[in-house]
Amino acid sequence: MSTTGAAAGGIGSIALGLVLLFYQLGRWRGGDPTPKIHFFAGVALAALLFLGAGILGAMGGAAAAFGDGVGRYALENATGVVASAGSRPPLTGGEKVGASGALAGLVLLAFYLGLIKSGRPDLKEPVIRGALVGVWLGAAGGLVGMAMGLIRTSGNTVGDLLLKTF
């Protein structure tokens, strides 16, 4: 992807995320009775399942592995020196979340699916809007991306507690 394409994608992601965020803020100001926690739970779902352990995390891990392989190939063929294994490369988003963060995300997802199926269909829209805002703004990085990192870290802690309990 070119620098221009990456910038356009980032700007588009920020624009979509902000539009949906301001739409949700307008709903709250207009008297939406749905508690705010459900929207933020959707944002947490995005951080735990979509950005870290999900599709975008896997894409980031694959891109890092591909870049490492291309760099090693170029080094070895240009210099004739075989690159040593050295230290392990830094962890990608998907590896940072791992099983414990994904477990916490799945528990949260199961909780909301249970709520929605048991007679609270009004929760579906705020959770989906929160997840979309989380993905769009989290993928764009910046301050929201840093907040998503904190959510992933907290999810890892909760997931570790769940794994060690059972």
N, C-alpha and C. Protein backbone atom coordinates (compact mmCIF):
# COMPACT_ATOMS: atom_id res chain seq x y z
N MET A 1 0.85 -1.17 0.00
CA MET A 1 0.00 0.00 0.00
C MET A 1 0.89 1.22 0.00
N SER A 2 0.52 2.21 -0.77
CA SER A 2 1.31 3.43 -0.84
C SER A 2 1.04 4.30 0.37
N THR A 3 1.91 5.28 0.57
CA THR A 3 1.74 6.21 1.68
C THR A 3 0.43 6.98 1.53
N THR A 4 0.12 7.35 0.31
CA THR A 4 -1.12 8.09 0.06
C THR A 4 -2.33 7.22 0.38
N GLY A 5 -2.29 5.97 -0.03
CA GLY A 5 -3.40 5.06 0.27
C GLY A 5 -3.57 4.82 1.76
N ALA A 6 -2.44 4.69 2.46
CA ALA A 6 -2.50 4.48 3.91
C ALA A 6 -3.07 5.72 4.60
N ALA A 7 -2.64 6.90 4.14
CA ALA A 7 -3.16 8.14 4.73
C ALA A 7 -4.66 8.29 4.46
N ALA A 8 -5.08 7.98 3.24
CA ALA A 8 -6.50 8.08 2.90
C ALA A 8 -7.32 7.09 3.72
N GLY A 9 -6.81 5.88 3.89
CA GLY A 9 -7.51 4.90 4.71
C GLY A 9 -7.60 5.33 6.16
N GLY A 10 -6.53 5.91 6.67
CA GLY A 10 -6.54 6.40 8.05
C GLY A 10 -7.50 7.54 8.24
N ILE A 11 -7.51 8.48 7.30
CA ILE A 11 -8.42 9.62 7.39
C ILE A 11 -9.87 9.15 7.26
N GLY A 12 -10.12 8.21 6.35
CA GLY A 12 -11.47 7.67 6.19
C GLY A 12 -11.92 6.93 7.44
N SER A 13 -11.02 6.18 8.04
CA SER A 13 -11.34 5.46 9.27
C SER A 13 -11.67 6.42 10.40
N ILE A 14 -10.89 7.47 10.53
CA ILE A 14 -11.15 8.48 11.56
C ILE A 14 -12.49 9.16 11.30
N ALA A 15 -12.74 9.51 10.04
CA ALA A 15 -14.00 10.20 9.70
C ALA A 15 -15.21 9.32 10.04
N LEU A 16 -15.18 8.06 9.63
CA LEU A 16 -16.30 7.17 9.93
C LEU A 16 -16.48 6.98 11.43
N GLY A 17 -15.38 6.80 12.13
CA GLY A 17 -15.45 6.61 13.58
C GLY A 17 -16.01 7.84 14.28
N LEU A 18 -15.56 9.02 13.88
CA LEU A 18 -16.05 10.24 14.51
C LEU A 18 -17.53 10.50 14.19
N VAL A 19 -17.93 10.23 12.96
CA VAL A 19 -19.34 10.42 12.60
C VAL A 19 -20.22 9.53 13.46
N LEU A 20 -19.85 8.28 13.58
CA LEU A 20 -20.66 7.36 14.38
C LEU A 20 -20.60 7.70 15.87
N LEU A 21 -19.44 8.15 16.36
CA LEU A 21 -19.33 8.56 17.75
C LEU A 21 -20.21 9.78 18.03
N PHE A 22 -20.19 10.77 17.16
CA PHE A 22 -21.02 11.95 17.36
C PHE A 22 -22.51 11.62 17.21
N TYR A 23 -22.82 10.67 16.36
CA TYR A 23 -24.22 10.21 16.26
C TYR A 23 -24.66 9.63 17.60
N GLN A 24 -23.81 8.80 18.21
CA GLN A 24 -24.15 8.20 19.51
C GLN A 24 -24.25 9.28 20.59
N LEU A 25 -23.34 10.25 20.59
CA LEU A 25 -23.41 11.34 21.55
C LEU A 25 -24.71 12.13 21.38
N GLY A 26 -25.13 12.35 20.14
CA GLY A 26 -26.39 13.03 19.87
C GLY A 26 -27.58 12.24 20.40
N ARG A 27 -27.52 10.94 20.27
CA ARG A 27 -28.61 10.10 20.80
C ARG A 27 -28.69 10.22 22.32
N TRP A 28 -27.54 10.23 22.98
CA TRP A 28 -27.55 10.37 24.43
C TRP A 28 -28.09 11.73 24.85
N ARG A 29 -27.69 12.78 24.13
CA ARG A 29 -28.19 14.12 24.45
C ARG A 29 -29.68 14.24 24.15
N GLY A 30 -30.15 13.46 23.20
CA GLY A 30 -31.57 13.48 22.83
C GLY A 30 -32.45 12.65 23.74
N GLY A 31 -31.87 11.99 24.72
CA GLY A 31 -32.66 11.24 25.68
C GLY A 31 -32.68 9.75 25.45
N ASP A 32 -31.69 9.19 24.74
CA ASP A 32 -31.62 7.75 24.56
C ASP A 32 -31.53 7.08 25.93
N PRO A 33 -32.49 6.21 26.27
CA PRO A 33 -32.49 5.63 27.62
C PRO A 33 -31.47 4.51 27.82
N THR A 34 -30.84 4.04 26.76
CA THR A 34 -29.87 2.95 26.89
C THR A 34 -28.65 3.44 27.67
N PRO A 35 -28.26 2.74 28.72
CA PRO A 35 -27.08 3.18 29.49
C PRO A 35 -25.82 3.20 28.61
N LYS A 36 -24.92 4.10 28.95
CA LYS A 36 -23.69 4.30 28.17
C LYS A 36 -22.76 3.09 28.23
N ILE A 37 -22.88 2.29 29.26
CA ILE A 37 -21.97 1.15 29.44
C ILE A 37 -22.05 0.18 28.26
N HIS A 38 -23.20 0.07 27.65
CA HIS A 38 -23.35 -0.88 26.55
C HIS A 38 -22.57 -0.43 25.31
N PHE A 39 -22.54 0.86 25.07
CA PHE A 39 -21.74 1.40 23.96
C PHE A 39 -20.26 1.12 24.22
N PHE A 40 -19.82 1.40 25.45
CA PHE A 40 -18.40 1.20 25.77
C PHE A 40 -18.04 -0.28 25.83
N ALA A 41 -19.00 -1.12 26.13
CA ALA A 41 -18.74 -2.57 26.05
C ALA A 41 -18.49 -2.97 24.60
N GLY A 42 -19.20 -2.34 23.67
CA GLY A 42 -18.95 -2.59 22.25
C GLY A 42 -17.55 -2.16 21.85
N VAL A 43 -17.09 -1.03 22.39
CA VAL A 43 -15.72 -0.58 22.12
C VAL A 43 -14.72 -1.61 22.67
N ALA A 44 -15.00 -2.13 23.86
CA ALA A 44 -14.11 -3.14 24.45
C ALA A 44 -14.12 -4.42 23.62
N LEU A 45 -15.28 -4.80 23.10
CA LEU A 45 -15.35 -5.97 22.21
C LEU A 45 -14.47 -5.77 20.98
N ALA A 46 -14.51 -4.56 20.43
CA ALA A 46 -13.68 -4.27 19.26
C ALA A 46 -12.21 -4.41 19.59
N ALA A 47 -11.82 -3.91 20.76
CA ALA A 47 -10.42 -3.98 21.15
C ALA A 47 -9.97 -5.41 21.38
N LEU A 48 -10.82 -6.21 21.99
CA LEU A 48 -10.42 -7.57 22.36
C LEU A 48 -10.54 -8.56 21.22
N LEU A 49 -11.58 -8.45 20.41
CA LEU A 49 -11.83 -9.47 19.40
C LEU A 49 -11.44 -9.04 17.98
N PHE A 50 -11.67 -7.80 17.63
CA PHE A 50 -11.42 -7.38 16.25
C PHE A 50 -10.01 -6.85 16.04
N LEU A 51 -9.58 -5.93 16.88
CA LEU A 51 -8.28 -5.30 16.65
C LEU A 51 -7.11 -6.17 17.08
N GLY A 52 -7.23 -6.84 18.21
CA GLY A 52 -6.10 -7.61 18.70
C GLY A 52 -6.10 -9.03 18.23
N ALA A 53 -7.10 -9.79 18.62
CA ALA A 53 -7.11 -11.22 18.35
C ALA A 53 -7.86 -11.56 17.07
N GLY A 54 -8.48 -10.59 16.46
CA GLY A 54 -9.32 -10.88 15.30
C GLY A 54 -8.63 -10.65 13.98
N ILE A 55 -9.41 -10.24 13.02
CA ILE A 55 -8.95 -10.11 11.64
C ILE A 55 -7.80 -9.12 11.52
N LEU A 56 -7.96 -7.93 12.12
CA LEU A 56 -6.92 -6.91 11.98
C LEU A 56 -5.63 -7.32 12.69
N GLY A 57 -5.76 -7.99 13.84
CA GLY A 57 -4.57 -8.46 14.54
C GLY A 57 -3.82 -9.52 13.74
N ALA A 58 -4.58 -10.42 13.13
CA ALA A 58 -3.96 -11.46 12.30
C ALA A 58 -3.28 -10.85 11.08
N MET A 59 -3.94 -9.84 10.49
CA MET A 59 -3.33 -9.17 9.33
C MET A 59 -2.04 -8.47 9.73
N GLY A 60 -2.04 -7.84 10.91
CA GLY A 60 -0.82 -7.17 11.38
C GLY A 60 0.30 -8.16 11.63
N GLY A 61 -0.03 -9.31 12.23
CA GLY A 61 0.98 -10.34 12.48
C GLY A 61 1.53 -10.91 11.18
N ALA A 62 0.64 -11.13 10.20
CA ALA A 62 1.08 -11.65 8.91
C ALA A 62 1.96 -10.63 8.19
N ALA A 63 1.60 -9.36 8.26
CA ALA A 63 2.40 -8.32 7.61
C ALA A 63 3.78 -8.23 8.25
N ALA A 64 3.84 -8.33 9.58
CA ALA A 64 5.13 -8.28 10.26
C ALA A 64 6.00 -9.48 9.88
N ALA A 65 5.40 -10.66 9.84
CA ALA A 65 6.15 -11.86 9.47
C ALA A 65 6.63 -11.78 8.02
N PHE A 66 5.78 -11.27 7.13
CA PHE A 66 6.15 -11.12 5.73
C PHE A 66 7.30 -10.13 5.59
N GLY A 67 7.20 -9.00 6.30
CA GLY A 67 8.27 -7.99 6.25
C GLY A 67 9.58 -8.53 6.78
N ASP A 68 9.51 -9.33 7.84
CA ASP A 68 10.72 -9.94 8.40
C ASP A 68 11.34 -10.91 7.41
N GLY A 69 10.50 -11.71 6.75
CA GLY A 69 11.00 -12.68 5.77
C GLY A 69 11.64 -12.00 4.57
N VAL A 70 11.00 -10.93 4.07
CA VAL A 70 11.56 -10.19 2.94
C VAL A 70 12.89 -9.55 3.32
N GLY A 71 12.94 -8.96 4.52
CA GLY A 71 14.19 -8.33 4.97
C GLY A 71 15.31 -9.34 5.11
N ARG A 72 15.03 -10.50 5.67
CA ARG A 72 16.04 -11.54 5.84
C ARG A 72 16.53 -12.03 4.47
N TYR A 73 15.60 -12.24 3.53
CA TYR A 73 15.96 -12.69 2.19
C TYR A 73 16.87 -11.66 1.51
N ALA A 74 16.50 -10.38 1.60
CA ALA A 74 17.31 -9.33 0.97
C ALA A 74 18.70 -9.26 1.59
N LEU A 75 18.77 -9.38 2.90
CA LEU A 75 20.06 -9.33 3.59
C LEU A 75 20.96 -10.48 3.17
N GLU A 76 20.39 -11.68 3.17
CA GLU A 76 21.20 -12.86 2.86
C GLU A 76 21.66 -12.85 1.41
N ASN A 77 20.82 -12.41 0.47
CA ASN A 77 21.21 -12.43 -0.93
C ASN A 77 22.10 -11.25 -1.31
N ALA A 78 21.97 -10.15 -0.62
CA ALA A 78 22.80 -8.99 -0.95
C ALA A 78 24.20 -9.12 -0.37
N THR A 79 24.32 -9.72 0.81
CA THR A 79 25.62 -9.76 1.47
C THR A 79 26.24 -11.14 1.48
N GLY A 80 25.44 -12.16 1.29
CA GLY A 80 25.95 -13.52 1.35
C GLY A 80 26.09 -14.02 2.78
N VAL A 81 25.69 -13.22 3.76
CA VAL A 81 25.78 -13.60 5.16
C VAL A 81 24.42 -14.13 5.59
N VAL A 82 24.45 -15.27 6.27
CA VAL A 82 23.20 -15.84 6.76
C VAL A 82 22.83 -15.14 8.05
N ALA A 83 21.62 -14.61 8.09
CA ALA A 83 21.16 -13.90 9.28
C ALA A 83 20.91 -14.87 10.41
N SER A 84 21.44 -14.56 11.57
CA SER A 84 21.21 -15.43 12.73
C SER A 84 19.84 -15.15 13.31
N ALA A 85 19.36 -16.09 14.10
CA ALA A 85 18.03 -15.96 14.68
C ALA A 85 17.96 -14.76 15.61
N GLY A 86 18.97 -14.55 16.41
CA GLY A 86 19.00 -13.41 17.30
C GLY A 86 17.87 -13.44 18.30
N SER A 87 17.46 -12.27 18.71
CA SER A 87 16.36 -12.21 19.68
C SER A 87 15.03 -12.26 18.95
N ARG A 88 14.02 -12.61 19.70
CA ARG A 88 12.68 -12.72 19.13
C ARG A 88 12.18 -11.33 18.73
N PRO A 89 11.53 -11.21 17.56
CA PRO A 89 11.01 -9.91 17.15
C PRO A 89 9.91 -9.45 18.09
N PRO A 90 9.63 -8.14 18.13
CA PRO A 90 8.60 -7.64 19.03
C PRO A 90 7.23 -8.26 18.72
N LEU A 91 6.43 -8.39 19.76
CA LEU A 91 5.12 -8.99 19.60
C LEU A 91 4.18 -8.08 18.81
N THR A 92 3.35 -8.69 17.99
CA THR A 92 2.35 -7.93 17.24
C THR A 92 1.07 -7.85 18.07
N GLY A 93 0.08 -7.13 17.56
CA GLY A 93 -1.17 -6.95 18.28
C GLY A 93 -1.85 -8.25 18.62
N GLY A 94 -1.92 -9.17 17.67
CA GLY A 94 -2.58 -10.44 17.91
C GLY A 94 -1.87 -11.28 18.95
N GLU A 95 -0.55 -11.22 18.97
CA GLU A 95 0.21 -11.99 19.95
C GLU A 95 0.10 -11.38 21.34
N LYS A 96 -0.03 -10.06 21.42
CA LYS A 96 -0.15 -9.40 22.72
C LYS A 96 -1.46 -9.80 23.39
N VAL A 97 -2.52 -9.89 22.63
CA VAL A 97 -3.80 -10.26 23.22
C VAL A 97 -3.78 -11.73 23.58
N GLY A 98 -3.43 -12.57 22.64
CA GLY A 98 -3.34 -13.98 22.89
C GLY A 98 -4.65 -14.60 23.34
N ALA A 99 -4.54 -15.75 23.94
CA ALA A 99 -5.74 -16.51 24.32
C ALA A 99 -6.50 -15.86 25.46
N SER A 100 -5.80 -15.27 26.40
CA SER A 100 -6.50 -14.73 27.57
C SER A 100 -7.36 -13.52 27.21
N GLY A 101 -6.84 -12.61 26.40
CA GLY A 101 -7.64 -11.46 25.97
C GLY A 101 -8.79 -11.87 25.09
N ALA A 102 -8.55 -12.85 24.21
CA ALA A 102 -9.64 -13.33 23.35
C ALA A 102 -10.71 -14.03 24.19
N LEU A 103 -10.29 -14.73 25.24
CA LEU A 103 -11.25 -15.38 26.13
C LEU A 103 -12.13 -14.33 26.83
N ALA A 104 -11.51 -13.26 27.32
CA ALA A 104 -12.28 -12.20 27.96
C ALA A 104 -13.26 -11.57 26.97
N GLY A 105 -12.81 -11.38 25.73
CA GLY A 105 -13.70 -10.84 24.70
C GLY A 105 -14.85 -11.77 24.38
N LEU A 106 -14.56 -13.07 24.31
CA LEU A 106 -15.63 -14.04 24.04
C LEU A 106 -16.64 -14.11 25.18
N VAL A 107 -16.16 -13.99 26.42
CA VAL A 107 -17.07 -13.98 27.56
C VAL A 107 -17.98 -12.75 27.49
N LEU A 108 -17.40 -11.59 27.18
CA LEU A 108 -18.20 -10.36 27.03
C LEU A 108 -19.19 -10.49 25.89
N LEU A 109 -18.76 -11.08 24.77
CA LEU A 109 -19.65 -11.28 23.64
C LEU A 109 -20.79 -12.23 24.01
N ALA A 110 -20.48 -13.32 24.70
CA ALA A 110 -21.51 -14.27 25.12
C ALA A 110 -22.50 -13.61 26.08
N PHE A 111 -22.00 -12.76 26.96
CA PHE A 111 -22.87 -12.04 27.88
C PHE A 111 -23.87 -11.17 27.12
N TYR A 112 -23.38 -10.42 26.14
CA TYR A 112 -24.28 -9.54 25.39
C TYR A 112 -25.21 -10.32 24.47
N LEU A 113 -24.71 -11.40 23.88
CA LEU A 113 -25.61 -12.23 23.07
C LEU A 113 -26.73 -12.80 23.93
N GLY A 114 -26.40 -13.22 25.14
CA GLY A 114 -27.42 -13.72 26.07
C GLY A 114 -28.42 -12.65 26.44
N LEU A 115 -27.93 -11.44 26.72
CA LEU A 115 -28.84 -10.34 27.05
C LEU A 115 -29.77 -10.02 25.88
N ILE A 116 -29.22 -9.98 24.69
CA ILE A 116 -30.02 -9.62 23.52
C ILE A 116 -31.05 -10.70 23.23
N LYS A 117 -30.65 -11.96 23.34
CA LYS A 117 -31.57 -13.07 23.05
C LYS A 117 -32.64 -13.23 24.13
N SER A 118 -32.35 -12.79 25.36
CA SER A 118 -33.30 -13.01 26.44
C SER A 118 -34.28 -11.85 26.63
N GLY A 119 -34.40 -11.01 25.66
CA GLY A 119 -35.42 -9.97 25.75
C GLY A 119 -34.90 -8.55 25.81
N ARG A 120 -33.64 -8.34 25.51
CA ARG A 120 -33.11 -6.97 25.47
C ARG A 120 -32.57 -6.64 24.09
N PRO A 121 -33.42 -6.71 23.06
CA PRO A 121 -32.94 -6.40 21.71
C PRO A 121 -32.53 -4.94 21.55
N ASP A 122 -32.91 -4.08 22.50
CA ASP A 122 -32.52 -2.67 22.43
C ASP A 122 -31.02 -2.48 22.65
N LEU A 123 -30.33 -3.49 23.16
CA LEU A 123 -28.89 -3.39 23.40
C LEU A 123 -28.07 -3.66 22.15
N LYS A 124 -28.68 -4.25 21.16
CA LYS A 124 -27.96 -4.65 19.95
C LYS A 124 -27.32 -3.46 19.26
N GLU A 125 -28.09 -2.40 19.04
CA GLU A 125 -27.58 -1.25 18.29
C GLU A 125 -26.44 -0.53 19.01
N PRO A 126 -26.54 -0.21 20.33
CA PRO A 126 -25.41 0.49 20.95
C PRO A 126 -24.14 -0.35 20.99
N VAL A 127 -24.27 -1.66 21.17
CA VAL A 127 -23.08 -2.51 21.20
C VAL A 127 -22.42 -2.55 19.82
N ILE A 128 -23.23 -2.66 18.78
CA ILE A 128 -22.68 -2.68 17.41
C ILE A 128 -22.05 -1.34 17.08
N ARG A 129 -22.73 -0.23 17.45
CA ARG A 129 -22.14 1.09 17.19
C ARG A 129 -20.82 1.25 17.95
N GLY A 130 -20.77 0.79 19.19
CA GLY A 130 -19.53 0.88 19.96
C GLY A 130 -18.41 0.07 19.32
N ALA A 131 -18.75 -1.13 18.83
CA ALA A 131 -17.73 -1.96 18.18
C ALA A 131 -17.21 -1.30 16.90
N LEU A 132 -18.12 -0.71 16.12
CA LEU A 132 -17.68 -0.04 14.89
C LEU A 132 -16.81 1.17 15.19
N VAL A 133 -17.21 1.97 16.18
CA VAL A 133 -16.39 3.12 16.56
C VAL A 133 -15.02 2.64 17.05
N GLY A 134 -15.01 1.57 17.84
CA GLY A 134 -13.74 1.04 18.33
C GLY A 134 -12.83 0.58 17.22
N VAL A 135 -13.38 -0.13 16.24
CA VAL A 135 -12.57 -0.61 15.13
C VAL A 135 -12.06 0.56 14.28
N TRP A 136 -12.96 1.46 13.93
CA TRP A 136 -12.56 2.55 13.03
C TRP A 136 -11.58 3.51 13.68
N LEU A 137 -11.83 3.91 14.92
CA LEU A 137 -10.91 4.83 15.56
C LEU A 137 -9.66 4.11 16.07
N GLY A 138 -9.82 2.88 16.53
CA GLY A 138 -8.67 2.12 17.00
C GLY A 138 -7.71 1.76 15.89
N ALA A 139 -8.26 1.45 14.71
CA ALA A 139 -7.41 1.12 13.57
C ALA A 139 -6.64 2.34 13.08
N ALA A 140 -7.20 3.51 13.30
CA ALA A 140 -6.53 4.73 12.86
C ALA A 140 -5.39 5.12 13.78
N GLY A 141 -5.36 4.58 14.97
CA GLY A 141 -4.26 4.85 15.89
C GLY A 141 -4.48 6.11 16.69
N GLY A 142 -3.42 6.76 17.07
CA GLY A 142 -3.52 7.97 17.87
C GLY A 142 -3.92 7.67 19.31
N LEU A 143 -4.58 8.62 19.93
CA LEU A 143 -4.97 8.48 21.33
C LEU A 143 -5.94 7.34 21.53
N VAL A 144 -6.87 7.16 20.59
CA VAL A 144 -7.83 6.07 20.73
C VAL A 144 -7.11 4.73 20.59
N GLY A 145 -6.12 4.67 19.72
CA GLY A 145 -5.34 3.44 19.59
C GLY A 145 -4.61 3.10 20.88
N MET A 146 -4.11 4.13 21.57
CA MET A 146 -3.46 3.88 22.86
C MET A 146 -4.48 3.39 23.88
N ALA A 147 -5.69 3.96 23.87
CA ALA A 147 -6.74 3.50 24.78
C ALA A 147 -7.10 2.05 24.49
N MET A 148 -7.12 1.68 23.20
CA MET A 148 -7.41 0.29 22.85
C MET A 148 -6.33 -0.63 23.39
N GLY A 149 -5.09 -0.17 23.42
CA GLY A 149 -4.02 -0.97 24.00
C GLY A 149 -4.25 -1.20 25.49
N LEU A 150 -4.76 -0.18 26.18
CA LEU A 150 -5.08 -0.36 27.61
C LEU A 150 -6.22 -1.34 27.79
N ILE A 151 -7.21 -1.29 26.91
CA ILE A 151 -8.33 -2.24 27.00
C ILE A 151 -7.82 -3.65 26.75
N ARG A 152 -6.93 -3.81 25.77
CA ARG A 152 -6.38 -5.15 25.50
C ARG A 152 -5.60 -5.67 26.70
N THR A 153 -4.81 -4.79 27.33
CA THR A 153 -4.04 -5.19 28.51
C THR A 153 -4.97 -5.61 29.64
N SER A 154 -6.03 -4.83 29.87
CA SER A 154 -7.00 -5.19 30.90
C SER A 154 -7.69 -6.50 30.56
N GLY A 155 -8.01 -6.69 29.28
CA GLY A 155 -8.62 -7.94 28.86
C GLY A 155 -7.72 -9.13 29.09
N ASN A 156 -6.42 -8.93 28.87
CA ASN A 156 -5.47 -10.01 29.15
C ASN A 156 -5.48 -10.37 30.63
N THR A 157 -5.54 -9.36 31.49
CA THR A 157 -5.56 -9.60 32.92
C THR A 157 -6.81 -10.38 33.33
N VAL A 158 -7.97 -9.92 32.85
CA VAL A 158 -9.22 -10.61 33.16
C VAL A 158 -9.20 -12.03 32.59
N GLY A 159 -8.73 -12.19 31.37
CA GLY A 159 -8.65 -13.51 30.76
C GLY A 159 -7.71 -14.45 31.51
N ASP A 160 -6.57 -13.90 31.98
CA ASP A 160 -5.65 -14.71 32.77
C ASP A 160 -6.31 -15.18 34.05
N LEU A 161 -7.08 -14.30 34.68
CA LEU A 161 -7.81 -14.70 35.91
C LEU A 161 -8.82 -15.79 35.60
N LEU A 162 -9.52 -15.66 34.46
CA LEU A 162 -10.48 -16.70 34.08
C LEU A 162 -9.79 -18.03 33.80
N LEU A 163 -8.67 -17.97 33.10
CA LEU A 163 -7.95 -19.20 32.78
C LEU A 163 -7.39 -19.88 34.03
N LYS A 164 -6.89 -19.09 34.98
CA LYS A 164 -6.31 -19.67 36.19
C LYS A 164 -7.38 -20.15 37.17
N THR A 165 -8.60 -19.63 37.04
CA THR A 165 -9.67 -20.03 37.94
C THR A 165 -10.18 -21.42 37.59
N PHE A 166 -10.23 -21.72 36.31
CA PHE A 166 -10.82 -23.01 35.89
C PHE A 166 -9.79 -24.03 35.65
